[in-house]
């Protein structure tokens, strides 16, 4: 799933933390980062905000209910 315009990154990571399965960020270089890891969350924050804006990011979730949680975050914030 491609995500744009994440306005509340703290809330986004709260939703990721609530997910039961793996939630991964695929970078433009083809790397896959496990967003369930706090260290990876800090790394991805630095990567995402390095140029001052939030680009489109590609997120995958291993569990369908986790994907639903992420979609609800996008809809409701």
C-alpha atoms as a PDB file:
ATOM      1  CA  UNK A   1       0.000   0.000   0.000  1.00  0.00           C
ATOM      2  CA  UNK A   2       1.357   3.410  -0.924  1.00  0.00           C
ATOM      3  CA  UNK A   3       0.936   6.114   1.709  1.00  0.00           C
ATOM      4  CA  UNK A   4       1.274   9.874   1.285  1.00  0.00           C
ATOM      5  CA  UNK A   5       0.830  12.869   3.542  1.00  0.00           C
ATOM      6  CA  UNK A   6       1.412  11.363   6.961  1.00  0.00           C
ATOM      7  CA  UNK A   7       0.614  14.323   9.174  1.00  0.00           C
ATOM      8  CA  UNK A   8       0.877  12.729  12.621  1.00  0.00           C
ATOM      9  CA  UNK A   9       3.883  10.417  12.608  1.00  0.00           C
ATOM     10  CA  UNK A  10       3.537   9.629  16.332  1.00  0.00           C
ATOM     11  CA  UNK A  11      -0.012   8.376  15.804  1.00  0.00           C
ATOM     12  CA  UNK A  12       1.115   6.421  12.753  1.00  0.00           C
ATOM     13  CA  UNK A  13       3.725   4.553  14.811  1.00  0.00           C
ATOM     14  CA  UNK A  14       1.152   3.974  17.588  1.00  0.00           C
ATOM     15  CA  UNK A  15      -1.015   2.207  15.018  1.00  0.00           C
ATOM     16  CA  UNK A  16       1.992   0.225  13.765  1.00  0.00           C
ATOM     17  CA  UNK A  17       2.762  -0.831  17.360  1.00  0.00           C
ATOM     18  CA  UNK A  18      -0.819  -2.148  17.730  1.00  0.00           C
ATOM     19  CA  UNK A  19      -0.436  -4.429  14.716  1.00  0.00           C
ATOM     20  CA  UNK A  20      -0.004  -8.134  15.435  1.00  0.00           C
ATOM     21  CA  UNK A  21       2.054  -9.138  12.418  1.00  0.00           C
ATOM     22  CA  UNK A  22       4.940  -7.603  10.527  1.00  0.00           C
ATOM     23  CA  UNK A  23       4.612  -4.104   9.140  1.00  0.00           C
ATOM     24  CA  UNK A  24       7.318  -3.218   6.668  1.00  0.00           C
ATOM     25  CA  UNK A  25       8.480  -0.144   4.821  1.00  0.00           C
ATOM     26  CA  UNK A  26       9.970  -0.686   1.377  1.00  0.00           C
ATOM     27  CA  UNK A  27      12.501   1.979   0.473  1.00  0.00           C
ATOM     28  CA  UNK A  28      13.084   3.343  -3.014  1.00  0.00           C
ATOM     29  CA  UNK A  29      16.396   1.449  -2.993  1.00  0.00           C
ATOM     30  CA  UNK A  30      14.533  -1.838  -2.463  1.00  0.00           C
ATOM     31  CA  UNK A  31      15.409  -2.283   1.222  1.00  0.00           C
ATOM     32  CA  UNK A  32      12.716  -3.604   3.550  1.00  0.00           C
ATOM     33  CA  UNK A  33      12.553  -2.126   7.054  1.00  0.00           C
ATOM     34  CA  UNK A  34      10.580  -3.735   9.889  1.00  0.00           C
ATOM     35  CA  UNK A  35       8.514  -0.884  11.363  1.00  0.00           C
ATOM     36  CA  UNK A  36       7.658  -2.904  14.465  1.00  0.00           C
ATOM     37  CA  UNK A  37      11.231  -2.338  15.685  1.00  0.00           C
ATOM     38  CA  UNK A  38      11.758   0.930  17.603  1.00  0.00           C
ATOM     39  CA  UNK A  39      15.248   1.278  16.137  1.00  0.00           C
ATOM     40  CA  UNK A  40      13.816   0.881  12.645  1.00  0.00           C
ATOM     41  CA  UNK A  41      11.126   3.449  13.449  1.00  0.00           C
ATOM     42  CA  UNK A  42      13.793   6.016  14.359  1.00  0.00           C
ATOM     43  CA  UNK A  43      15.774   5.132  11.252  1.00  0.00           C
ATOM     44  CA  UNK A  44      12.731   5.482   9.025  1.00  0.00           C
ATOM     45  CA  UNK A  45      11.852   8.817  10.646  1.00  0.00           C
ATOM     46  CA  UNK A  46      15.295  10.135   9.794  1.00  0.00           C
ATOM     47  CA  UNK A  47      15.044   8.762   6.269  1.00  0.00           C
ATOM     48  CA  UNK A  48      11.524  10.069   5.650  1.00  0.00           C
ATOM     49  CA  UNK A  49      12.157  13.556   7.006  1.00  0.00           C
ATOM     50  CA  UNK A  50      15.723  14.008   5.761  1.00  0.00           C
ATOM     51  CA  UNK A  51      14.702  16.559   3.141  1.00  0.00           C
ATOM     52  CA  UNK A  52      11.868  18.214   5.072  1.00  0.00           C
ATOM     53  CA  UNK A  53       8.878  16.571   3.425  1.00  0.00           C
ATOM     54  CA  UNK A  54       7.157  13.207   3.535  1.00  0.00           C
ATOM     55  CA  UNK A  55       7.395  11.376   0.247  1.00  0.00           C
ATOM     56  CA  UNK A  56       5.131   8.587  -0.827  1.00  0.00           C
ATOM     57  CA  UNK A  57       6.071   5.458   1.105  1.00  0.00           C
ATOM     58  CA  UNK A  58       5.257   1.830   0.449  1.00  0.00           C
ATOM     59  CA  UNK A  59       3.968  -0.128   3.473  1.00  0.00           C
ATOM     60  CA  UNK A  60       3.059  -3.816   3.665  1.00  0.00           C
ATOM     61  CA  UNK A  61       1.412  -5.700   6.521  1.00  0.00           C
ATOM     62  CA  UNK A  62       1.529  -9.469   6.957  1.00  0.00           C
ATOM     63  CA  UNK A  63      -1.929  -9.685   8.549  1.00  0.00           C
ATOM     64  CA  UNK A  64      -5.151  -8.485   6.848  1.00  0.00           C
ATOM     65  CA  UNK A  65      -6.464  -6.985  10.116  1.00  0.00           C
ATOM     66  CA  UNK A  66      -3.248  -4.964  10.426  1.00  0.00           C
ATOM     67  CA  UNK A  67      -3.762  -3.574   6.937  1.00  0.00           C
ATOM     68  CA  UNK A  68      -7.269  -2.593   8.024  1.00  0.00           C
ATOM     69  CA  UNK A  69      -5.839  -0.731  11.049  1.00  0.00           C
ATOM     70  CA  UNK A  70      -3.457   1.165   8.797  1.00  0.00           C
ATOM     71  CA  UNK A  71      -6.268   2.022   6.378  1.00  0.00           C
ATOM     72  CA  UNK A  72      -8.406   3.292   9.252  1.00  0.00           C
ATOM     73  CA  UNK A  73      -5.500   5.499  10.368  1.00  0.00           C
ATOM     74  CA  UNK A  74      -5.301   6.957   6.872  1.00  0.00           C
ATOM     75  CA  UNK A  75      -9.040   7.605   6.758  1.00  0.00           C
ATOM     76  CA  UNK A  76      -9.537   8.919  10.293  1.00  0.00           C
ATOM     77  CA  UNK A  77      -6.059  10.096  11.247  1.00  0.00           C
END
